[in-house]
């Protein structure tokens, strides 16, 4: 048994020895910056030393979506060779990754076991390959200096640029060395006399080796004294406007910010700073802030107009108009009220009153009210109904006519031996009538009673 254990241990040690390939590999990056939109390959130089007595022919491969070529190479025992390989990521790897990407490669010989190591490559979008610095333009400028920088450690040959803005249209084909920065003089070819000083953007179309990309960069159109103006507005109900002016010149200058509101919105407007001047002209009010700015100093004003209150007022006015129109149009106004009634037996009881008031002369008025579930109608009526329908649980009163301004009130009692807790809501009363021989129907208001349990 002891001998068997020793043999087994020797076999395991032997398998451990042959499970790894005895070579040494050191990789050098030759060209490993790849553009996402292109089908490109990274290039590496591998310095490999073969210390494995069992193999002189080898295969190199990867399991992570990277194709390596050449797949096979030969190195004699105890010899060091340098080989050039290319690594081509799959389309999936290119689409799902951006930035530095490390991948494992393996080298296998004739015997079981492999050598493992890793290489890296960088995946960059075409739009992120170049850096376009903001353009600064003054009103009298005829050209603008555009600074372009190659952000990556790869050479870029013959990349086509097409620039378009409210100031110019320009196209050029350029080449850049790794990390190189160049300057282009862009002629201002459009009429900009009517443009206000502000921040603008220009569109950049890139074309490189069949790949296309669209990006944009900023134009700072300065005032003559070197003031950069910027304004941003956000929000709908609570609307905030941020206005900022910066002295981008090299001498002190005065910057002025103005805001205009009407006499209504000014009531719901707040400012981050108290205005220096407030001038009213008709229905408009103009606020002004002015400050002397040192170079690179800014003035920033935040104005917030909250439309919540005026919006609620408008909604309330609309509701009042709708309700008023409803009552004006109704020739018969039906109102329903309830009140709690104490009983000797302690039952839950309510007195129901239905009031009918005619605005005009009406005929054939029929008033119907429903008795809520779990309740019964008391035999003692304030106004005895003309009809009680026990099946539909309704009571009816009939009036042959009502003159304009005439009012009638009907009442009855309902009770329940079941204790009622919480809000007890009663159905609306309904009335049908004729006005000028035309039939109409109207309803009363809703009623409810808040009952408290003992």
Foldseek 3Di string as FASTA:
>chain_A
DVVVVVVVVVVVVVCVVLQAFPKDKDKDWDAFEAELQDFDKTKIKIWMFHQGQPFFKKAKAFDPQKGKPPGIDGHDHRGIDIDMMIITGDNVCSVVDAAKDKTKMWMDGPTHHIDIDIDIHGYHHPVRQKDWAAWEAEPPDFKIKIKIWGAAQAKAAFKKKWKDDQFATDIDTDIDHGGDMDIDIGGRDHDCPPPDFEKTKMKIWIAGPHDIDIDIHIYGYAYPQQKGWYWDWDDDQKIKIKIKIWRQDQAKDKDKDKDKDFPVQVVQKDKPDQFPDWDDDVRMIMGMDMDTDHHGDMDMMMMIGHNPVVVVVVVVVVVVVVVVVVVVVDQKAKAKDKDWDQDPVRWTKIKIKIKIAGQAKWAWKKKKFADDPQKDWDPDFPAQFPDADPVRRMGMHTDGIDHRGDMDMTMTMMTHRDQDAAKAWGDWMKMWIDDPNRIDIDIYDIDIDHHHDD
